[in-house]
Protein backbone atom coordinates (compact mmCIF):
# COMPACT_ATOMS: atom_id res chain seq x y z
CA MET A 1 -21.40 -10.68 -19.47
CA SER A 2 -21.20 -6.89 -19.75
CA LEU A 3 -18.42 -5.02 -21.53
CA LEU A 4 -17.05 -3.85 -18.15
CA GLN A 5 -16.82 -7.44 -16.91
CA ARG A 6 -15.11 -8.56 -20.12
CA VAL A 7 -12.51 -5.81 -19.72
CA PHE A 8 -12.12 -6.40 -15.94
CA PRO A 9 -12.72 -10.16 -15.51
CA ALA A 10 -12.69 -10.13 -11.68
CA LEU A 11 -15.90 -8.05 -11.70
CA SER A 12 -17.76 -11.04 -13.16
CA GLU A 13 -18.02 -12.49 -9.62
CA PRO A 14 -20.63 -10.85 -7.34
CA THR A 15 -18.53 -11.55 -4.24
CA MET A 16 -15.61 -9.64 -5.71
CA ARG A 17 -17.82 -6.70 -6.65
CA ARG A 18 -19.12 -6.53 -3.07
CA TYR A 19 -15.64 -6.85 -1.56
CA LEU A 20 -14.13 -4.20 -3.83
CA LEU A 21 -16.97 -1.78 -3.11
CA GLY A 22 -16.37 -2.11 0.62
CA GLN A 23 -12.63 -1.86 0.11
CA GLY A 24 -13.01 1.35 -1.86
CA VAL A 25 -15.17 2.98 0.80
CA SER A 26 -12.86 1.92 3.66
CA VAL A 27 -9.74 3.15 1.84
CA LEU A 28 -11.38 6.54 1.32
CA GLY A 29 -12.16 6.66 5.03
CA SER A 30 -8.66 5.55 6.00
CA TRP A 31 -6.99 8.33 4.00
CA THR A 32 -9.50 10.84 5.39
CA GLN A 33 -8.54 9.87 8.95
CA ASN A 34 -4.78 9.72 8.34
CA VAL A 35 -4.64 13.09 6.56
CA THR A 36 -6.76 14.61 9.35
CA LEU A 37 -4.39 13.19 11.96
CA ASN A 38 -1.47 14.82 10.14
CA LEU A 39 -3.27 18.16 10.10
CA VAL A 40 -4.25 17.94 13.77
CA VAL A 41 -0.74 16.92 14.87
CA TYR A 42 0.85 19.72 12.86
CA HIS A 43 -1.61 22.20 14.37
CA LEU A 44 -0.78 21.00 17.89
CA SER A 45 2.99 20.67 17.52
CA GLY A 46 4.12 22.70 14.51
CA SER A 47 6.96 20.17 14.27
CA ALA A 48 8.05 18.21 11.21
CA ALA A 49 9.77 15.72 13.52
CA VAL A 50 6.50 14.97 15.34
CA LEU A 51 4.77 14.54 11.97
CA ALA A 52 7.45 12.04 10.97
CA LEU A 53 6.88 10.19 14.26
CA LEU A 54 3.13 10.10 13.63
CA ASN A 55 3.57 8.57 10.17
CA PHE A 56 6.14 6.11 11.49
CA LEU A 57 3.57 4.93 14.05
CA LEU A 58 0.87 4.68 11.37
CA TYR A 59 2.96 2.74 8.84
CA GLY A 60 6.00 1.37 10.70
CA PRO A 61 4.24 -1.70 12.21
CA GLN A 62 4.04 -3.15 8.69
CA LEU A 63 7.71 -4.11 9.04
CA VAL A 64 7.25 -6.39 12.08
CA VAL A 65 3.57 -6.98 12.73
CA ALA A 66 2.49 -7.87 9.16
CA PRO A 67 4.69 -10.98 8.77
CA LEU A 68 3.99 -12.18 12.31
CA ALA A 69 0.24 -11.73 11.87
CA GLY A 70 0.27 -13.16 8.36
CA ALA A 71 1.88 -16.35 9.64
CA ARG A 72 -1.27 -17.04 11.70
CA ILE A 73 -3.83 -16.12 9.04
CA ASN A 74 -5.25 -18.70 6.66
CA ALA A 75 -8.34 -19.32 4.56
CA ALA A 76 -10.24 -20.64 7.56
CA ASN A 77 -9.80 -17.61 9.84
CA ALA A 78 -9.25 -14.69 7.42
CA ARG A 79 -12.91 -13.63 7.57
CA ARG A 80 -13.01 -13.70 11.38
CA VAL A 81 -9.72 -11.80 11.73
CA THR A 82 -10.77 -9.17 9.19
CA LEU A 83 -14.04 -8.51 11.02
CA ALA A 84 -12.30 -8.33 14.41
CA VAL A 85 -9.80 -5.78 13.09
CA LEU A 86 -12.53 -3.73 11.40
CA TYR A 87 -14.56 -3.47 14.61
CA THR A 88 -11.47 -2.61 16.69
CA ALA A 89 -10.35 0.05 14.20
CA MET A 90 -13.89 1.42 14.33
CA ALA A 91 -13.57 1.74 18.11
CA VAL A 92 -10.29 3.66 17.68
CA ALA A 93 -11.91 6.05 15.19
CA VAL A 94 -14.90 6.62 17.49
CA ALA A 95 -12.52 7.22 20.43
CA LEU A 96 -10.67 9.88 18.40
CA ALA A 97 -13.98 11.55 17.56
CA LEU A 98 -15.27 11.53 21.15
CA LEU A 99 -12.00 12.80 22.58
CA SER A 100 -12.01 15.56 19.99
CA LEU A 101 -15.56 16.57 20.85
CA ALA A 102 -14.59 16.66 24.53
CA HIS A 103 -11.51 18.81 23.68
CA ILE A 104 -9.13 16.35 25.37
CA LEU A 105 -7.45 15.02 22.24
CA PHE A 106 -3.88 15.79 23.29
CA LEU A 107 -0.71 14.92 21.38
CA PRO A 108 0.38 11.86 23.47
CA VAL A 109 -3.14 10.42 23.15
CA ILE A 110 -3.10 10.92 19.37
CA LEU A 111 0.28 9.20 19.05
CA GLY A 112 -0.88 6.28 21.21
CA LEU A 113 -4.05 5.79 19.15
CA ALA A 114 -2.01 6.19 15.94
CA LEU A 115 0.17 3.28 17.06
CA CYS A 116 -2.98 1.21 17.68
CA ALA A 117 -4.25 2.12 14.21
CA GLY A 118 -0.89 1.20 12.65
CA ILE A 119 -0.84 -2.21 14.35
CA LEU A 120 -4.42 -2.90 13.26
CA THR A 121 -3.61 -1.96 9.67
CA ALA A 122 -0.60 -4.28 9.70
CA ILE A 123 -2.80 -7.16 10.88
CA GLU A 124 -5.61 -6.33 8.50
CA SER A 125 -3.46 -6.22 5.34
CA PRO A 126 -2.66 -9.96 5.18
CA ALA A 127 -6.14 -10.86 6.48
CA ARG A 128 -7.88 -8.89 3.74
CA GLN A 129 -5.53 -10.26 1.09
CA VAL A 130 -6.24 -13.87 2.07
CA LEU A 131 -9.96 -13.12 2.33
CA LEU A 132 -9.92 -11.62 -1.17
CA LEU A 133 -8.23 -14.69 -2.63
CA THR A 134 -10.37 -17.27 -0.83
CA GLY A 135 -13.49 -15.42 -2.00
CA LEU A 136 -12.72 -16.21 -5.65
CA GLU A 137 -14.73 -18.93 -7.37
CA ASP A 138 -12.39 -18.98 -10.38
CA ALA A 139 -8.76 -19.21 -9.26
CA ALA A 140 -7.62 -18.06 -12.73
CA LEU A 141 -8.91 -14.58 -11.84
CA LEU A 142 -6.42 -14.21 -8.97
CA PRO A 143 -4.02 -11.78 -10.74
CA ASN A 144 -6.92 -9.62 -11.94
CA ALA A 145 -8.50 -9.58 -8.47
CA ILE A 146 -5.25 -8.47 -6.83
CA ALA A 147 -4.80 -5.77 -9.48
CA MET A 148 -8.40 -4.60 -9.06
CA ASN A 149 -7.76 -4.34 -5.32
CA THR A 150 -4.68 -2.20 -6.08
CA MET A 151 -6.69 -0.03 -8.46
CA VAL A 152 -9.33 0.56 -5.80
CA TYR A 153 -6.60 1.46 -3.31
CA ASN A 154 -5.05 3.97 -5.70
CA VAL A 155 -8.40 5.62 -6.40
CA GLY A 156 -8.83 5.96 -2.64
CA ARG A 157 -5.33 7.38 -2.31
CA MET A 158 -6.12 10.03 -4.90
CA VAL A 159 -9.60 10.97 -3.62
CA GLY A 160 -9.17 10.43 0.15
CA PRO A 161 -6.92 13.45 0.82
CA THR A 162 -9.38 15.63 -1.10
CA MET A 163 -12.20 14.38 1.13
CA ALA A 164 -10.14 15.23 4.21
CA ALA A 165 -9.42 18.69 2.81
CA ILE A 166 -13.19 19.24 2.53
CA ILE A 167 -14.45 17.56 5.71
CA TYR A 168 -11.81 18.83 8.14
CA PRO A 169 -12.20 22.61 7.61
CA LEU A 170 -15.98 22.52 7.05
CA PHE A 171 -17.16 20.02 9.68
CA GLY A 172 -14.18 19.57 12.01
CA GLN A 173 -11.86 16.73 12.94
CA SER A 174 -14.54 14.73 14.74
CA ALA A 175 -16.54 14.47 11.52
CA ALA A 176 -13.45 13.16 9.69
CA PHE A 177 -12.90 10.44 12.32
CA LEU A 178 -16.58 9.47 12.28
CA THR A 179 -16.42 9.27 8.47
CA TYR A 180 -13.77 6.57 8.83
CA ALA A 181 -15.84 4.75 11.45
CA ALA A 182 -18.83 4.73 9.09
CA ALA A 183 -16.61 3.48 6.23
CA LEU A 184 -15.35 0.62 8.41
CA LEU A 185 -18.91 -0.30 9.35
CA PHE A 186 -19.81 -0.48 5.65
CA MET A 187 -16.76 -2.65 4.92
CA ALA A 188 -17.73 -4.95 7.80
CA TRP A 189 -21.20 -5.31 6.30
CA CYS A 190 -19.66 -6.19 2.91
CA VAL A 191 -17.41 -8.83 4.50
CA ARG A 192 -20.25 -10.36 6.52
CA SER A 193 -22.41 -10.56 3.40
CA MET A 194 -19.76 -12.47 1.44
CA PRO A 195 -20.81 -16.15 1.18
CA LYS A 196 -18.57 -18.70 2.83
CA ARG A 197 -16.94 -21.01 0.33
CA SER A 198 -17.56 -24.70 0.81
CA HIS A 199 -14.02 -25.51 -0.33
CA VAL A 200 -12.49 -23.54 2.57
CA GLN A 201 -11.47 -25.90 5.35
CA ALA A 202 -12.86 -25.24 8.79
CA SER A 203 -9.43 -25.52 10.38
CA PRO A 204 -6.02 -26.44 9.01
CA SER A 205 -4.29 -29.50 10.37
CA ALA A 206 -1.14 -29.20 12.40
CA HIS A 207 0.90 -30.31 9.40
CA GLU A 208 -0.70 -27.67 7.16
CA ARG A 209 -0.70 -24.84 9.70
CA SER A 210 1.15 -21.88 8.26
CA GLY A 211 4.07 -20.30 10.01
CA LEU A 212 6.65 -17.62 9.42
CA ARG A 213 9.47 -20.19 9.48
CA ASN A 214 7.77 -22.27 6.78
CA ALA A 215 7.24 -19.17 4.66
CA LEU A 216 10.91 -18.17 5.00
CA VAL A 217 11.98 -21.66 3.98
CA TYR A 218 9.69 -21.44 0.97
CA VAL A 219 11.14 -18.04 -0.01
CA LEU A 220 14.69 -19.36 0.21
CA ASP A 221 13.76 -22.38 -1.93
CA ASP A 222 11.79 -20.46 -4.56
CA ARG A 223 14.17 -18.34 -6.62
CA PHE A 224 11.45 -16.18 -8.17
CA THR A 225 9.98 -15.21 -4.80
CA ALA A 226 13.39 -14.61 -3.22
CA LYS A 227 14.54 -12.45 -6.14
CA TYR A 228 11.47 -10.27 -6.47
CA LEU A 229 10.80 -9.82 -2.76
CA SER A 230 14.39 -8.53 -2.49
CA ILE A 231 13.89 -6.17 -5.44
CA LEU A 232 10.57 -5.01 -3.98
CA ALA A 233 12.24 -4.17 -0.66
CA CYS A 234 14.83 -2.07 -2.52
CA MET A 235 12.09 -0.27 -4.43
CA GLY A 236 10.07 0.39 -1.28
CA LEU A 237 13.11 1.78 0.53
CA LEU A 238 14.57 3.89 -2.26
CA ALA A 239 11.75 4.68 -4.71
CA GLY A 240 8.53 4.34 -2.71
CA SER A 241 9.70 7.07 -0.34
CA TYR A 242 9.81 9.70 -3.11
CA GLN A 243 6.78 11.49 -1.54
CA THR A 244 9.07 13.09 1.04
CA LEU A 245 10.93 15.00 -1.68
CA VAL A 246 7.97 16.18 -3.77
CA PRO A 247 7.27 19.40 -1.75
CA LEU A 248 11.00 20.17 -1.69
CA LEU A 249 11.31 19.73 -5.47
CA ALA A 250 8.24 21.89 -6.04
CA ASP A 251 9.59 24.64 -3.79
CA HIS A 252 13.34 24.62 -4.40
CA VAL A 253 13.36 23.91 -8.15
CA PHE A 254 10.03 25.24 -9.46
CA HIS A 255 9.45 27.87 -6.74
CA ASP A 256 5.75 27.16 -6.20
CA ALA A 257 5.29 24.52 -3.53
CA ALA A 258 1.49 24.46 -3.46
CA LYS A 259 0.96 24.32 -7.24
CA PHE A 260 3.63 21.83 -8.24
CA THR A 261 3.25 19.53 -5.21
CA GLY A 262 -0.35 18.94 -6.27
CA ILE A 263 0.60 18.51 -9.93
CA PHE A 264 3.43 16.05 -9.24
CA PHE A 265 1.38 13.94 -6.82
CA ALA A 266 -1.43 13.87 -9.40
CA CYS A 267 1.06 12.71 -12.07
CA ALA A 268 2.36 9.92 -9.84
CA GLY A 269 -1.20 8.91 -9.00
CA MET A 270 -2.08 8.87 -12.69
CA GLY A 271 0.82 6.53 -13.45
CA SER A 272 -0.05 4.30 -10.51
CA LEU A 273 -3.71 4.10 -11.49
CA SER A 274 -2.76 3.35 -15.12
CA ALA A 275 -0.65 0.37 -14.02
CA ALA A 276 -3.47 -0.95 -11.84
CA ILE A 277 -5.98 -0.63 -14.70
CA VAL A 278 -3.67 -2.47 -17.10
CA LEU A 279 -3.05 -5.31 -14.66
CA SER A 280 -6.71 -5.70 -13.69
CA SER A 281 -7.88 -5.81 -17.31
CA SER A 282 -8.06 -8.68 -19.79
CA ILE A 283 -4.73 -7.63 -21.39
CA ALA A 284 -2.74 -8.24 -18.19
CA ALA A 285 -1.30 -11.55 -19.41
CA ARG A 286 0.39 -9.79 -22.33
CA THR A 287 2.34 -7.49 -20.01
CA ALA A 288 4.08 -10.16 -17.89
CA GLU A 289 7.53 -9.43 -19.32
CA LEU A 290 7.31 -5.81 -18.15
CA LEU A 291 8.02 -7.02 -14.61
CA ARG A 292 11.69 -7.39 -15.54
CA VAL A 293 11.76 -3.80 -16.79
CA ALA A 294 9.75 -2.06 -14.04
CA PRO A 295 12.58 -1.73 -11.44
CA TRP A 296 14.87 -0.23 -14.07
CA SER A 297 12.23 2.19 -15.32
CA ALA A 298 11.88 3.40 -11.71
CA CYS A 299 15.63 4.13 -11.74
CA VAL A 300 15.23 6.05 -15.01
CA ALA A 301 12.37 8.11 -13.53
CA LEU A 302 14.43 9.01 -10.45
CA ALA A 303 17.41 9.92 -12.65
CA LEU A 304 15.21 12.23 -14.75
CA LEU A 305 14.03 13.98 -11.60
CA SER A 306 17.65 14.63 -10.62
CA THR A 307 18.60 16.33 -13.88
CA THR A 308 15.58 18.16 -15.32
CA TRP A 309 14.57 21.77 -14.82
CA SER A 310 11.43 21.32 -16.93
CA SER A 311 8.12 20.83 -15.12
CA VAL A 312 6.79 18.86 -18.10
CA VAL A 313 9.66 16.38 -17.98
CA SER A 314 9.37 16.14 -14.18
CA GLY A 315 5.64 15.46 -14.50
CA ALA A 316 6.33 12.71 -17.04
CA ALA A 317 8.98 11.25 -14.72
CA PHE A 318 6.46 11.09 -11.87
CA VAL A 319 3.97 9.33 -14.15
CA LEU A 320 6.67 6.77 -15.02
CA LEU A 321 7.65 6.40 -11.36
CA GLY A 322 4.06 5.83 -10.23
CA PHE A 323 3.50 3.31 -13.03
CA SER A 324 6.74 1.44 -12.28
CA LEU A 325 6.12 1.15 -8.53
CA THR A 326 2.52 -0.04 -8.84
CA PHE A 327 3.23 -2.38 -11.74
CA ALA A 328 6.14 -4.01 -9.92
CA ALA A 329 4.39 -4.28 -6.54
CA THR A 330 1.12 -5.63 -7.96
CA SER A 331 2.73 -8.05 -10.41
CA ILE A 332 5.06 -9.44 -7.76
CA ASN A 333 2.19 -9.88 -5.31
CA ALA A 334 -0.01 -11.62 -7.90
CA SER A 335 2.82 -13.87 -9.11
CA ILE A 336 3.81 -14.91 -5.59
CA GLN A 337 0.20 -15.67 -4.62
CA ARG A 338 -0.31 -17.73 -7.79
CA ARG A 339 2.83 -19.81 -7.20
CA CYS A 340 2.73 -20.44 -3.45
CA PRO A 341 1.04 -23.33 -1.58
CA GLU A 342 -2.01 -22.50 0.54
CA SER A 343 -0.21 -23.39 3.77
CA VAL A 344 2.16 -20.39 3.54
CA ARG A 345 -0.10 -17.89 1.78
CA GLY A 346 -0.89 -15.76 4.84
CA ALA A 347 2.73 -15.54 5.96
CA LEU A 348 3.85 -14.66 2.43
CA VAL A 349 1.33 -11.83 2.28
CA GLY A 350 2.84 -10.57 5.53
CA LEU A 351 6.37 -10.82 4.11
CA TYR A 352 5.22 -8.95 1.03
CA GLY A 353 3.84 -6.16 3.24
CA MET A 354 7.09 -6.09 5.19
CA ALA A 355 9.20 -5.91 2.01
CA TYR A 356 7.25 -3.06 0.41
CA ASN A 357 5.18 -1.09 2.91
CA GLY A 358 7.40 -1.89 5.89
CA THR A 359 10.54 -0.45 4.31
CA MET A 360 8.93 2.86 3.34
CA PRO A 361 9.00 4.50 6.81
CA PHE A 362 12.75 3.90 6.96
CA GLY A 363 13.02 5.14 3.38
CA TYR A 364 11.47 8.44 4.47
CA LEU A 365 14.27 8.89 6.99
CA LEU A 366 16.95 7.81 4.50
CA VAL A 367 15.68 10.05 1.71
CA GLY A 368 15.43 12.96 4.14
CA SER A 369 19.12 12.48 4.94
CA PHE A 370 19.95 12.39 1.22
CA SER A 371 18.13 15.70 0.66
CA GLU A 372 20.05 17.42 3.45
CA ALA A 373 23.38 16.11 2.20
CA PHE A 374 22.93 16.57 -1.57
CA ALA A 375 19.95 18.96 -2.01
CA VAL A 376 16.74 17.71 -3.55
CA THR A 377 17.94 17.00 -7.11
CA GLY A 378 21.05 15.30 -5.74
CA ALA A 379 18.83 13.21 -3.48
CA PHE A 380 16.88 11.93 -6.49
CA GLY A 381 20.14 11.15 -8.26
CA THR A 382 21.47 9.28 -5.23
CA MET A 383 18.23 7.29 -4.98
CA ALA A 384 18.51 6.36 -8.67
CA ALA A 385 22.14 5.27 -8.37
CA VAL A 386 21.69 3.25 -5.16
CA LEU A 387 18.49 1.60 -6.44
CA ALA A 388 20.17 0.66 -9.73
CA ALA A 389 23.11 -0.83 -7.80
CA CYS A 390 20.79 -2.83 -5.53
CA VAL A 391 18.59 -4.12 -8.38
CA GLY A 392 21.70 -4.98 -10.37
CA ALA A 393 23.22 -6.87 -7.43
CA VAL A 394 20.04 -8.89 -6.85
CA THR A 395 19.71 -9.62 -10.57
CA LEU A 396 23.31 -10.90 -10.70
CA LEU A 397 22.72 -12.99 -7.59
CA TYR A 398 19.79 -14.72 -9.29
CA TRP A 399 21.30 -14.65 -12.79
CA ARG A 400 20.04 -18.10 -13.69
CA ARG A 401 16.83 -17.73 -15.72
CA ILE A 402 13.67 -17.94 -13.60
C-alpha cells in the first residue's frame, strides 16, 4: 500500500478511485455550467432578483425533491438511477449549447432548463451517495469515503469557477455548456465501469423497501440523527448562506469588492478543504469529538465577522467558518450513514440533502433581509446570535447524552 493510500484509506479500493475521479471531473463541469448560467443571465437581465431566481431554481429542489427521490433509491437501483440522471443532465447541457449556438437562448428558456437541472441534481445527490457506499468492499472505510467525496467536491468548488472564468470569455457560453456535457459523459463511463457487488440484492422485498415515512420514523426514534439533522438545518439556513454577504463585506467594509471577495472566498474554501482532508485521512477517528464543537465554532466565526475591521481577522474567520461547516456536514453525514439500516439509507441521504443544501436557498433570502435591516456587519452578528440560539435550543432538547 502506498503512502497516499495509508493516509487516505478509501483510495486503497480501485472502485473508489475510479468513482472519485469521475466525481471530480463532473463537479468541475457542474460549477463551470452554473457560473456560466449566472453570467449569461446577468448579461441578459442585469437584475439581481433574476439571478436570485436562477440560483433558487438550481438549488431549491433539494428541499423537496431530494427526500422524495431518496426514499425510492436503494443499493439495487442506485447505479441505474445515477446513469439515467447523468444522461438526462447531459441532454440539458447539450440543449443549452445548441440553443446558444442558434442565438435563441432566451431568459425564460434558461430558467426552465435551470429548473430541470436543479431537479436532476436533487435526484442525483442521494443516488450518487448510495452508489458510493454500496461500491465499498470494506464497510469500515465508509466515513473516509464520504469525506473523500466531500474533499473532491470542495476542490471542484474552488477550481470550477476559475474554469468558467477562462472558458466563457475565451470560447463562449456554448463551450462552457459542452464542457459540462463532456464531464457528465466521463462520469457515466466511470459509473458503468464500476463492478457490481455480489452482496447487493437485485431487488428489495416489500418489507425492506425504503420509504420517506420509514426514514422519518427512524429519525424520530434515533436521538443522534434527530439532533444533528436539526443542527445541520440551522447551520445551512444561517451559516451556509454566508456567500451572499461576502461581496457586501468586501465592498462596504474593506472598500475593494473584487480583491477581498476573492480573498475571503479563497479563505473559506481553504478551511472547507482542510476539514475534508482531515476527515478523509487516517486521523479522522481522533477528531470525532470535534462534532460537538463545530456548530459553536461557526457561531464564533460569524461573530468575528460582525465586529472586526481587520482583513486578517476576517480572513481567519472565513477559514474557521469554512472548516466548521464542512466538518459538521461531513461528520454528520458519515455518522448517520454508519448508524442507519440499509432499508432507509436512500431516504436518509435525501433528508440530509434537504436539511443542509435545501435550506440554503431560503437562507440566501433571509440573510439578504438581515443585511438590508442591519447592514452587513450587523447581518453577520444577527446570524451568529440566531444560530447560537437555535443550536442551544436543540442541544437542550436533546440534553441526555448521546
